[in-house]
Amino acid sequence: MLEEGVEKVSVLPSGAMQGLNDFGRIGYDGPCPPAGKPHRYIFKIFALDTILDVKPAASKNEILKALQNHVIGEAELTGIFSR
């Protein structure tokens, strides 16, 4: 479980690694919709049968490639945000 306010570093003290977000930075930055009409965000979580063999600060594509054939469950949450 990740606590609120997790430090934005590639490897946490627990050994857990964080990848790059859509802004090209380490860690979670949260939704930042453009001004105007609501914007849809899709959050995905995967249950795996192994620890992925990826380097810290891996990109989304590197992670998606590494998890192929290791997904044993997944869930998706769609959120609508606006400002």
C-alpha atoms as a PDB file:
ATOM      1  CA  MET A   1       0.000   0.000   0.000  1.00  0.00           C
ATOM      2  CA  LEU A   2       1.225   3.478  -0.821  1.00  0.00           C
ATOM      3  CA  GLU A   3       0.557   6.198   1.694  1.00  0.00           C
ATOM      4  CA  GLU A   4      -0.554   9.693   0.728  1.00  0.00           C
ATOM      5  CA  GLY A   5       2.302  12.020  -0.178  1.00  0.00           C
ATOM      6  CA  VAL A   6       4.778   9.338  -1.317  1.00  0.00           C
ATOM      7  CA  GLU A   7       8.165  10.867  -2.067  1.00  0.00           C
ATOM      8  CA  LYS A   8       8.792  11.332  -5.789  1.00  0.00           C
ATOM      9  CA  VAL A   9      11.932   9.227  -6.124  1.00  0.00           C
ATOM     10  CA  SER A  10      12.608   6.330  -8.477  1.00  0.00           C
ATOM     11  CA  VAL A  11      13.140   3.795  -5.646  1.00  0.00           C
ATOM     12  CA  LEU A  12      11.286   4.081  -2.319  1.00  0.00           C
ATOM     13  CA  PRO A  13      12.796   2.939   1.008  1.00  0.00           C
ATOM     14  CA  SER A  14      10.593  -0.191   0.775  1.00  0.00           C
ATOM     15  CA  GLY A  15      12.267  -1.113  -2.525  1.00  0.00           C
ATOM     16  CA  ALA A  16       9.169  -0.261  -4.563  1.00  0.00           C
ATOM     17  CA  MET A  17       9.942   1.542  -7.806  1.00  0.00           C
ATOM     18  CA  GLN A  18       8.074   4.412  -9.415  1.00  0.00           C
ATOM     19  CA  GLY A  19       7.899   4.955 -13.149  1.00  0.00           C
ATOM     20  CA  LEU A  20       7.583   8.067 -15.241  1.00  0.00           C
ATOM     21  CA  ASN A  21       4.223   9.802 -15.364  1.00  0.00           C
ATOM     22  CA  ASP A  22       2.599  11.536 -18.359  1.00  0.00           C
ATOM     23  CA  PHE A  23       4.557  14.692 -17.506  1.00  0.00           C
ATOM     24  CA  GLY A  24       7.851  12.776 -17.873  1.00  0.00           C
ATOM     25  CA  ARG A  25       8.566  12.969 -14.125  1.00  0.00           C
ATOM     26  CA  ILE A  26       8.869  10.352 -11.373  1.00  0.00           C
ATOM     27  CA  GLY A  27       5.785   9.718  -9.236  1.00  0.00           C
ATOM     28  CA  TYR A  28       2.097  10.532  -9.314  1.00  0.00           C
ATOM     29  CA  ASP A  29       1.005  14.106 -10.096  1.00  0.00           C
ATOM     30  CA  GLY A  30      -2.750  13.659 -10.339  1.00  0.00           C
ATOM     31  CA  PRO A  31      -5.208  14.863 -12.944  1.00  0.00           C
ATOM     32  CA  CYS A  32      -4.575  18.220 -14.619  1.00  0.00           C
ATOM     33  CA  PRO A  33      -7.375  18.680 -17.140  1.00  0.00           C
ATOM     34  CA  PRO A  34      -7.348  21.485 -19.664  1.00  0.00           C
ATOM     35  CA  ALA A  35      -9.669  24.386 -18.893  1.00  0.00           C
ATOM     36  CA  GLY A  36     -13.162  24.043 -20.296  1.00  0.00           C
ATOM     37  CA  LYS A  37     -15.296  20.974 -20.649  1.00  0.00           C
ATOM     38  CA  PRO A  38     -14.762  17.895 -18.420  1.00  0.00           C
ATOM     39  CA  HIS A  39     -11.896  15.551 -19.256  1.00  0.00           C
ATOM     40  CA  ARG A  40     -11.895  11.765 -18.778  1.00  0.00           C
ATOM     41  CA  TYR A  41      -9.065   9.959 -16.960  1.00  0.00           C
ATOM     42  CA  ILE A  42      -8.710   6.179 -16.855  1.00  0.00           C
ATOM     43  CA  PHE A  43      -6.810   4.647 -13.928  1.00  0.00           C
ATOM     44  CA  LYS A  44      -5.716   1.014 -14.323  1.00  0.00           C
ATOM     45  CA  ILE A  45      -4.363  -1.415 -11.749  1.00  0.00           C
ATOM     46  CA  PHE A  46      -2.925  -4.851 -12.462  1.00  0.00           C
ATOM     47  CA  ALA A  47      -2.381  -7.918 -10.278  1.00  0.00           C
ATOM     48  CA  LEU A  48       0.712  -9.776 -11.475  1.00  0.00           C
ATOM     49  CA  ASP A  49       2.196 -13.212 -10.882  1.00  0.00           C
ATOM     50  CA  THR A  50       5.749 -11.824 -10.640  1.00  0.00           C
ATOM     51  CA  ILE A  51       7.803  -8.754  -9.830  1.00  0.00           C
ATOM     52  CA  LEU A  52       8.515  -6.980 -13.092  1.00  0.00           C
ATOM     53  CA  ASP A  53      12.057  -6.870 -14.397  1.00  0.00           C
ATOM     54  CA  VAL A  54      12.174  -3.131 -15.176  1.00  0.00           C
ATOM     55  CA  LYS A  55      14.567  -0.388 -14.217  1.00  0.00           C
ATOM     56  CA  PRO A  56      13.586   2.468 -11.887  1.00  0.00           C
ATOM     57  CA  ALA A  57      11.913   5.345 -13.757  1.00  0.00           C
ATOM     58  CA  ALA A  58      10.619   2.967 -16.454  1.00  0.00           C
ATOM     59  CA  SER A  59       8.284   4.417 -19.059  1.00  0.00           C
ATOM     60  CA  LYS A  60       4.671   3.349 -19.522  1.00  0.00           C
ATOM     61  CA  ASN A  61       5.585   1.395 -22.666  1.00  0.00           C
ATOM     62  CA  GLU A  62       8.423  -0.436 -20.880  1.00  0.00           C
ATOM     63  CA  ILE A  63       6.086  -1.412 -18.045  1.00  0.00           C
ATOM     64  CA  LEU A  64       3.272  -2.527 -20.372  1.00  0.00           C
ATOM     65  CA  LYS A  65       5.721  -4.671 -22.344  1.00  0.00           C
ATOM     66  CA  ALA A  66       7.152  -6.237 -19.150  1.00  0.00           C
ATOM     67  CA  LEU A  67       3.727  -7.135 -17.727  1.00  0.00           C
ATOM     68  CA  GLN A  68       2.652  -9.088 -20.812  1.00  0.00           C
ATOM     69  CA  ASN A  69       1.858 -12.705 -19.878  1.00  0.00           C
ATOM     70  CA  HIS A  70       1.991 -11.860 -16.136  1.00  0.00           C
ATOM     71  CA  VAL A  71      -1.448 -10.264 -15.551  1.00  0.00           C
ATOM     72  CA  ILE A  72      -3.699 -12.388 -13.338  1.00  0.00           C
ATOM     73  CA  GLY A  73      -6.267  -9.660 -12.682  1.00  0.00           C
ATOM     74  CA  GLU A  74      -6.960  -6.053 -13.524  1.00  0.00           C
ATOM     75  CA  ALA A  75      -9.358  -3.234 -12.713  1.00  0.00           C
ATOM     76  CA  GLU A  76     -10.137   0.122 -14.214  1.00  0.00           C
ATOM     77  CA  LEU A  77     -11.606   3.326 -12.782  1.00  0.00           C
ATOM     78  CA  THR A  78     -12.754   6.186 -14.988  1.00  0.00           C
ATOM     79  CA  GLY A  79     -12.904   9.642 -13.448  1.00  0.00           C
ATOM     80  CA  ILE A  80     -14.267  12.859 -14.949  1.00  0.00           C
ATOM     81  CA  PHE A  81     -12.432  16.016 -13.927  1.00  0.00           C
ATOM     82  CA  SER A  82     -12.757  19.654 -14.952  1.00  0.00           C
ATOM     83  CA  ARG A  83     -11.564  23.090 -13.918  1.00  0.00           C
END
